[in-house]
C-alpha atoms as a PDB file:
ATOM      1  CA  UNK A   1      -7.861 -62.645 143.531  1.00  0.00           C
ATOM      2  CA  UNK A   2      -9.348 -59.540 142.422  1.00  0.00           C
ATOM      3  CA  UNK A   3      -8.612 -58.413 138.772  1.00  0.00           C
ATOM      4  CA  UNK A   4      -6.207 -55.375 138.466  1.00  0.00           C
ATOM      5  CA  UNK A   5      -7.969 -52.213 137.904  1.00  0.00           C
ATOM      6  CA  UNK A   6      -5.096 -49.782 137.800  1.00  0.00           C
ATOM      7  CA  UNK A   7      -3.150 -49.948 134.603  1.00  0.00           C
ATOM      8  CA  UNK A   8      -1.255 -46.824 133.390  1.00  0.00           C
ATOM      9  CA  UNK A   9      -0.992 -48.696 129.769  1.00  0.00           C
ATOM     10  CA  UNK A  10      -4.433 -47.763 129.430  1.00  0.00           C
ATOM     11  CA  UNK A  11      -3.678 -44.255 129.569  1.00  0.00           C
ATOM     12  CA  UNK A  12      -3.723 -42.588 126.011  1.00  0.00           C
ATOM     13  CA  UNK A  13      -1.810 -39.581 125.088  1.00  0.00           C
ATOM     14  CA  UNK A  14      -2.579 -38.745 121.593  1.00  0.00           C
ATOM     15  CA  UNK A  15       1.138 -37.995 120.457  1.00  0.00           C
ATOM     16  CA  UNK A  16       0.010 -37.929 116.535  1.00  0.00           C
ATOM     17  CA  UNK A  17      -3.353 -37.234 115.160  1.00  0.00           C
ATOM     18  CA  UNK A  18      -4.497 -36.934 111.530  1.00  0.00           C
ATOM     19  CA  UNK A  19      -7.810 -36.205 109.804  1.00  0.00           C
ATOM     20  CA  UNK A  20      -8.789 -37.559 106.291  1.00  0.00           C
ATOM     21  CA  UNK A  21     -11.893 -36.755 104.147  1.00  0.00           C
ATOM     22  CA  UNK A  22     -13.094 -38.530 101.207  1.00  0.00           C
ATOM     23  CA  UNK A  23     -16.444 -38.512  99.265  1.00  0.00           C
ATOM     24  CA  UNK A  24     -19.317 -40.246 100.863  1.00  0.00           C
ATOM     25  CA  UNK A  25     -19.254 -44.118  99.810  1.00  0.00           C
ATOM     26  CA  UNK A  26     -15.466 -44.216  99.925  1.00  0.00           C
ATOM     27  CA  UNK A  27     -14.152 -47.692 101.078  1.00  0.00           C
ATOM     28  CA  UNK A  28     -13.812 -47.363 104.791  1.00  0.00           C
ATOM     29  CA  UNK A  29     -10.590 -48.842 106.606  1.00  0.00           C
ATOM     30  CA  UNK A  30     -10.958 -52.261 107.584  1.00  0.00           C
ATOM     31  CA  UNK A  31      -8.671 -51.994 110.708  1.00  0.00           C
ATOM     32  CA  UNK A  32      -6.670 -49.906 112.660  1.00  0.00           C
ATOM     33  CA  UNK A  33      -3.377 -49.796 110.538  1.00  0.00           C
ATOM     34  CA  UNK A  34      -3.880 -50.944 107.036  1.00  0.00           C
ATOM     35  CA  UNK A  35      -3.331 -48.566 104.180  1.00  0.00           C
ATOM     36  CA  UNK A  36      -6.185 -46.121 103.471  1.00  0.00           C
ATOM     37  CA  UNK A  37      -8.186 -45.876 100.305  1.00  0.00           C
ATOM     38  CA  UNK A  38      -6.587 -43.300  98.175  1.00  0.00           C
ATOM     39  CA  UNK A  39      -9.560 -41.112  98.094  1.00  0.00           C
ATOM     40  CA  UNK A  40      -9.222 -40.509 101.723  1.00  0.00           C
ATOM     41  CA  UNK A  41      -7.193 -37.189 101.354  1.00  0.00           C
ATOM     42  CA  UNK A  42      -5.298 -35.708 104.533  1.00  0.00           C
ATOM     43  CA  UNK A  43      -6.374 -32.190 105.578  1.00  0.00           C
ATOM     44  CA  UNK A  44      -2.598 -31.441 106.592  1.00  0.00           C
ATOM     45  CA  UNK A  45      -1.350 -29.682 109.694  1.00  0.00           C
ATOM     46  CA  UNK A  46      -3.818 -28.978 112.347  1.00  0.00           C
ATOM     47  CA  UNK A  47      -3.238 -26.845 115.527  1.00  0.00           C
ATOM     48  CA  UNK A  48      -1.901 -28.854 118.776  1.00  0.00           C
ATOM     49  CA  UNK A  49      -4.778 -28.939 120.954  1.00  0.00           C
ATOM     50  CA  UNK A  50      -7.926 -28.323 118.748  1.00  0.00           C
ATOM     51  CA  UNK A  51      -9.085 -31.850 117.694  1.00  0.00           C
ATOM     52  CA  UNK A  52     -12.389 -32.667 119.499  1.00  0.00           C
ATOM     53  CA  UNK A  53     -14.818 -35.545 119.121  1.00  0.00           C
ATOM     54  CA  UNK A  54     -18.016 -35.088 120.692  1.00  0.00           C
ATOM     55  CA  UNK A  55     -20.883 -37.445 121.500  1.00  0.00           C
ATOM     56  CA  UNK A  56     -23.755 -35.673 122.644  1.00  0.00           C
ATOM     57  CA  UNK A  57     -27.176 -37.958 123.294  1.00  0.00           C
ATOM     58  CA  UNK A  58     -30.168 -36.266 124.275  1.00  0.00           C
ATOM     59  CA  UNK A  59     -32.729 -37.427 126.734  1.00  0.00           C
ATOM     60  CA  UNK A  60     -35.979 -36.762 128.014  1.00  0.00           C
ATOM     61  CA  UNK A  61     -37.104 -37.569 131.705  1.00  0.00           C
ATOM     62  CA  UNK A  62     -40.616 -38.656 133.250  1.00  0.00           C
ATOM     63  CA  UNK A  63     -41.377 -37.148 136.450  1.00  0.00           C
ATOM     64  CA  UNK A  64     -43.987 -38.442 139.009  1.00  0.00           C
ATOM     65  CA  UNK A  65     -45.590 -37.080 141.917  1.00  0.00           C
ATOM     66  CA  UNK A  66     -44.328 -39.941 144.088  1.00  0.00           C
ATOM     67  CA  UNK A  67     -40.665 -39.258 143.414  1.00  0.00           C
ATOM     68  CA  UNK A  68     -38.208 -36.370 143.805  1.00  0.00           C
ATOM     69  CA  UNK A  69     -36.118 -38.329 141.026  1.00  0.00           C
ATOM     70  CA  UNK A  70     -37.154 -39.145 137.475  1.00  0.00           C
ATOM     71  CA  UNK A  71     -39.093 -42.291 137.287  1.00  0.00           C
ATOM     72  CA  UNK A  72     -37.958 -42.998 133.825  1.00  0.00           C
ATOM     73  CA  UNK A  73     -35.392 -41.766 131.314  1.00  0.00           C
ATOM     74  CA  UNK A  74     -35.582 -42.194 127.591  1.00  0.00           C
ATOM     75  CA  UNK A  75     -33.148 -41.190 124.875  1.00  0.00           C
ATOM     76  CA  UNK A  76     -34.669 -39.172 122.167  1.00  0.00           C
ATOM     77  CA  UNK A  77     -31.666 -38.589 119.750  1.00  0.00           C
ATOM     78  CA  UNK A  78     -27.849 -38.932 119.155  1.00  0.00           C
ATOM     79  CA  UNK A  79     -25.555 -36.346 117.940  1.00  0.00           C
ATOM     80  CA  UNK A  80     -21.873 -36.272 117.340  1.00  0.00           C
ATOM     81  CA  UNK A  81     -19.375 -33.578 116.264  1.00  0.00           C
ATOM     82  CA  UNK A  82     -15.789 -33.183 115.247  1.00  0.00           C
ATOM     83  CA  UNK A  83     -13.821 -30.004 115.592  1.00  0.00           C
ATOM     84  CA  UNK A  84     -10.391 -29.246 114.485  1.00  0.00           C
ATOM     85  CA  UNK A  85      -8.497 -26.158 113.373  1.00  0.00           C
ATOM     86  CA  UNK A  86      -6.768 -26.726 109.868  1.00  0.00           C
ATOM     87  CA  UNK A  87      -3.437 -24.648 109.605  1.00  0.00           C
ATOM     88  CA  UNK A  88      -3.031 -25.322 105.961  1.00  0.00           C
ATOM     89  CA  UNK A  89      -4.776 -23.037 103.412  1.00  0.00           C
ATOM     90  CA  UNK A  90      -5.794 -24.742 100.211  1.00  0.00           C
ATOM     91  CA  UNK A  91      -8.722 -24.896  97.845  1.00  0.00           C
ATOM     92  CA  UNK A  92      -9.851 -28.485  99.033  1.00  0.00           C
ATOM     93  CA  UNK A  93      -9.643 -27.398 102.616  1.00  0.00           C
ATOM     94  CA  UNK A  94     -11.722 -24.321 101.977  1.00  0.00           C
ATOM     95  CA  UNK A  95     -14.331 -26.612 100.551  1.00  0.00           C
ATOM     96  CA  UNK A  96     -14.070 -28.668 103.514  1.00  0.00           C
ATOM     97  CA  UNK A  97     -14.567 -26.010 105.943  1.00  0.00           C
ATOM     98  CA  UNK A  98     -17.500 -24.166 104.172  1.00  0.00           C
ATOM     99  CA  UNK A  99     -19.231 -27.436 103.029  1.00  0.00           C
ATOM    100  CA  UNK A 100     -18.416 -27.499  99.627  1.00  0.00           C
ATOM    101  CA  UNK A 101     -18.367 -24.615  97.132  1.00  0.00           C
ATOM    102  CA  UNK A 102     -16.628 -24.049  93.776  1.00  0.00           C
ATOM    103  CA  UNK A 103     -13.111 -23.137  92.758  1.00  0.00           C
ATOM    104  CA  UNK A 104     -12.768 -21.356  89.415  1.00  0.00           C
ATOM    105  CA  UNK A 105      -9.547 -20.010  87.568  1.00  0.00           C
ATOM    106  CA  UNK A 106      -9.295 -16.278  86.553  1.00  0.00           C
ATOM    107  CA  UNK A 107      -6.958 -14.919  84.080  1.00  0.00           C
ATOM    108  CA  UNK A 108      -5.493 -11.567  85.013  1.00  0.00           C
ATOM    109  CA  UNK A 109      -5.879  -8.965  82.394  1.00  0.00           C
ATOM    110  CA  UNK A 110      -2.386  -7.745  81.067  1.00  0.00           C
ATOM    111  CA  UNK A 111      -0.355 -10.520  82.677  1.00  0.00           C
ATOM    112  CA  UNK A 112       0.331 -13.719  80.487  1.00  0.00           C
ATOM    113  CA  UNK A 113       0.657 -16.895  82.404  1.00  0.00           C
ATOM    114  CA  UNK A 114      -0.585 -15.416  85.662  1.00  0.00           C
ATOM    115  CA  UNK A 115      -3.508 -17.177  87.400  1.00  0.00           C
ATOM    116  CA  UNK A 116      -5.650 -16.316  90.227  1.00  0.00           C
ATOM    117  CA  UNK A 117      -8.757 -18.349  91.690  1.00  0.00           C
ATOM    118  CA  UNK A 118     -12.085 -17.495  92.899  1.00  0.00           C
ATOM    119  CA  UNK A 119     -13.706 -19.690  95.601  1.00  0.00           C
ATOM    120  CA  UNK A 120     -17.362 -19.301  96.069  1.00  0.00           C
ATOM    121  CA  UNK A 121     -18.991 -20.956  98.946  1.00  0.00           C
ATOM    122  CA  UNK A 122     -22.251 -23.304  98.507  1.00  0.00           C
ATOM    123  CA  UNK A 123     -25.513 -21.776  98.108  1.00  0.00           C
ATOM    124  CA  UNK A 124     -28.417 -22.904 100.523  1.00  0.00           C
ATOM    125  CA  UNK A 125     -29.184 -26.542  99.825  1.00  0.00           C
ATOM    126  CA  UNK A 126     -25.983 -27.414  97.875  1.00  0.00           C
ATOM    127  CA  UNK A 127     -23.654 -28.241 101.008  1.00  0.00           C
ATOM    128  CA  UNK A 128     -22.026 -31.623 100.462  1.00  0.00           C
ATOM    129  CA  UNK A 129     -21.524 -34.532 102.887  1.00  0.00           C
ATOM    130  CA  UNK A 130     -18.159 -36.203 103.322  1.00  0.00           C
ATOM    131  CA  UNK A 131     -16.610 -39.225 104.726  1.00  0.00           C
ATOM    132  CA  UNK A 132     -14.132 -38.622 107.810  1.00  0.00           C
ATOM    133  CA  UNK A 133     -11.372 -40.632 109.268  1.00  0.00           C
ATOM    134  CA  UNK A 134      -9.601 -39.555 112.532  1.00  0.00           C
ATOM    135  CA  UNK A 135      -6.419 -41.480 113.370  1.00  0.00           C
ATOM    136  CA  UNK A 136      -4.915 -41.246 116.786  1.00  0.00           C
ATOM    137  CA  UNK A 137      -1.542 -42.663 117.644  1.00  0.00           C
ATOM    138  CA  UNK A 138      -0.037 -43.409 120.850  1.00  0.00           C
ATOM    139  CA  UNK A 139       3.188 -45.203 120.577  1.00  0.00           C
ATOM    140  CA  UNK A 140       2.170 -48.775 119.381  1.00  0.00           C
ATOM    141  CA  UNK A 141      -1.591 -48.050 119.858  1.00  0.00           C
ATOM    142  CA  UNK A 142      -3.616 -46.864 117.069  1.00  0.00           C
ATOM    143  CA  UNK A 143      -7.298 -45.592 116.890  1.00  0.00           C
ATOM    144  CA  UNK A 144      -9.246 -44.754 113.806  1.00  0.00           C
ATOM    145  CA  UNK A 145     -12.801 -42.952 114.443  1.00  0.00           C
ATOM    146  CA  UNK A 146     -14.629 -43.660 111.077  1.00  0.00           C
ATOM    147  CA  UNK A 147     -17.567 -41.556 110.313  1.00  0.00           C
ATOM    148  CA  UNK A 148     -19.246 -42.595 106.903  1.00  0.00           C
ATOM    149  CA  UNK A 149     -21.211 -39.397 106.562  1.00  0.00           C
ATOM    150  CA  UNK A 150     -20.836 -36.006 108.117  1.00  0.00           C
ATOM    151  CA  UNK A 151     -21.442 -32.390 107.117  1.00  0.00           C
ATOM    152  CA  UNK A 152     -20.200 -29.041 108.005  1.00  0.00           C
ATOM    153  CA  UNK A 153     -23.036 -27.315 109.582  1.00  0.00           C
ATOM    154  CA  UNK A 154     -21.646 -24.334 111.629  1.00  0.00           C
ATOM    155  CA  UNK A 155     -20.693 -20.689 110.546  1.00  0.00           C
ATOM    156  CA  UNK A 156     -17.153 -20.253 109.970  1.00  0.00           C
ATOM    157  CA  UNK A 157     -15.152 -17.640 112.208  1.00  0.00           C
ATOM    158  CA  UNK A 158     -11.581 -16.795 111.215  1.00  0.00           C
ATOM    159  CA  UNK A 159      -9.241 -14.725 113.270  1.00  0.00           C
ATOM    160  CA  UNK A 160      -6.839 -12.876 111.015  1.00  0.00           C
ATOM    161  CA  UNK A 161      -4.464 -11.486 113.613  1.00  0.00           C
ATOM    162  CA  UNK A 162      -0.838 -10.261 112.851  1.00  0.00           C
ATOM    163  CA  UNK A 163       0.465 -12.182 115.778  1.00  0.00           C
ATOM    164  CA  UNK A 164      -0.511 -15.874 115.096  1.00  0.00           C
ATOM    165  CA  UNK A 165      -1.313 -18.199 112.086  1.00  0.00           C
ATOM    166  CA  UNK A 166      -4.731 -17.941 110.540  1.00  0.00           C
ATOM    167  CA  UNK A 167      -6.610 -21.244 110.968  1.00  0.00           C
ATOM    168  CA  UNK A 168      -9.633 -22.682 109.019  1.00  0.00           C
ATOM    169  CA  UNK A 169     -12.089 -23.999 111.700  1.00  0.00           C
ATOM    170  CA  UNK A 170     -13.562 -27.299 110.438  1.00  0.00           C
ATOM    171  CA  UNK A 171     -16.752 -28.247 112.310  1.00  0.00           C
ATOM    172  CA  UNK A 172     -18.375 -31.495 111.216  1.00  0.00           C
ATOM    173  CA  UNK A 173     -21.663 -33.085 112.442  1.00  0.00           C
ATOM    174  CA  UNK A 174     -22.319 -36.757 112.207  1.00  0.00           C
ATOM    175  CA  UNK A 175     -24.924 -37.718 109.924  1.00  0.00           C
ATOM    176  CA  UNK A 176     -26.918 -41.205 110.395  1.00  0.00           C
ATOM    177  CA  UNK A 177     -28.833 -43.725 108.562  1.00  0.00           C
ATOM    178  CA  UNK A 178     -30.530 -47.105 109.080  1.00  0.00           C
ATOM    179  CA  UNK A 179     -27.970 -48.884 106.945  1.00  0.00           C
ATOM    180  CA  UNK A 180     -25.015 -48.176 108.444  1.00  0.00           C
ATOM    181  CA  UNK A 181     -23.292 -47.022 111.944  1.00  0.00           C
ATOM    182  CA  UNK A 182     -23.174 -43.307 112.218  1.00  0.00           C
ATOM    183  CA  UNK A 183     -19.766 -43.690 113.696  1.00  0.00           C
ATOM    184  CA  UNK A 184     -17.442 -46.300 115.142  1.00  0.00           C
ATOM    185  CA  UNK A 185     -13.821 -46.867 116.433  1.00  0.00           C
ATOM    186  CA  UNK A 186     -11.163 -49.308 115.063  1.00  0.00           C
ATOM    187  CA  UNK A 187      -8.261 -50.076 117.355  1.00  0.00           C
ATOM    188  CA  UNK A 188      -5.310 -52.591 117.955  1.00  0.00           C
ATOM    189  CA  UNK A 189      -5.199 -51.530 121.629  1.00  0.00           C
ATOM    190  CA  UNK A 190      -5.078 -54.851 123.543  1.00  0.00           C
ATOM    191  CA  UNK A 191      -6.951 -53.118 126.369  1.00  0.00           C
ATOM    192  CA  UNK A 192     -10.004 -53.372 124.198  1.00  0.00           C
ATOM    193  CA  UNK A 193      -9.918 -57.392 124.248  1.00  0.00           C
ATOM    194  CA  UNK A 194     -13.043 -59.059 125.171  1.00  0.00           C
ATOM    195  CA  UNK A 195     -13.080 -60.596 128.546  1.00  0.00           C
ATOM    196  CA  UNK A 196     -12.968 -64.449 128.617  1.00  0.00           C
END
């Protein structure tokens, strides 16, 4: 008898998603549900439909006079990105969105005890890499995308409209290395069980 290929239990509806950031080198989660290292900080609330994980391999093709189709295709590079819009404005979220930077405290002249803060974006060459963990939960199924190294590598455009909340656009590019996986997924979803 042929195996069942239609299974609605394998449809994933991300009812809850969370994004965590930490310094590079933070202990990665060992599985899909254990407590995260305390260094992994939640970015807080994000907009409903903004979270995207994009994997974009690049290929070159060899063409030959004897074929209308490529005669060989080879991969030249890998690329992956994370996109999400943060609803919570905070110093650490500004640093995440701008790839680093500094926050300093300013004393307001003539106002005792009143503090203001100054955020300065990073200079060229001083952007910082971070570790990222994306959690996706669908009922009893849990997924964790683990990205040991990533960096904010896009410009930041913010809409400051009167009619909706102003969000911070977090755009992270996955960084690679020979000593670790550039990214991977941990899950307790039984659909991933290896065939016997």
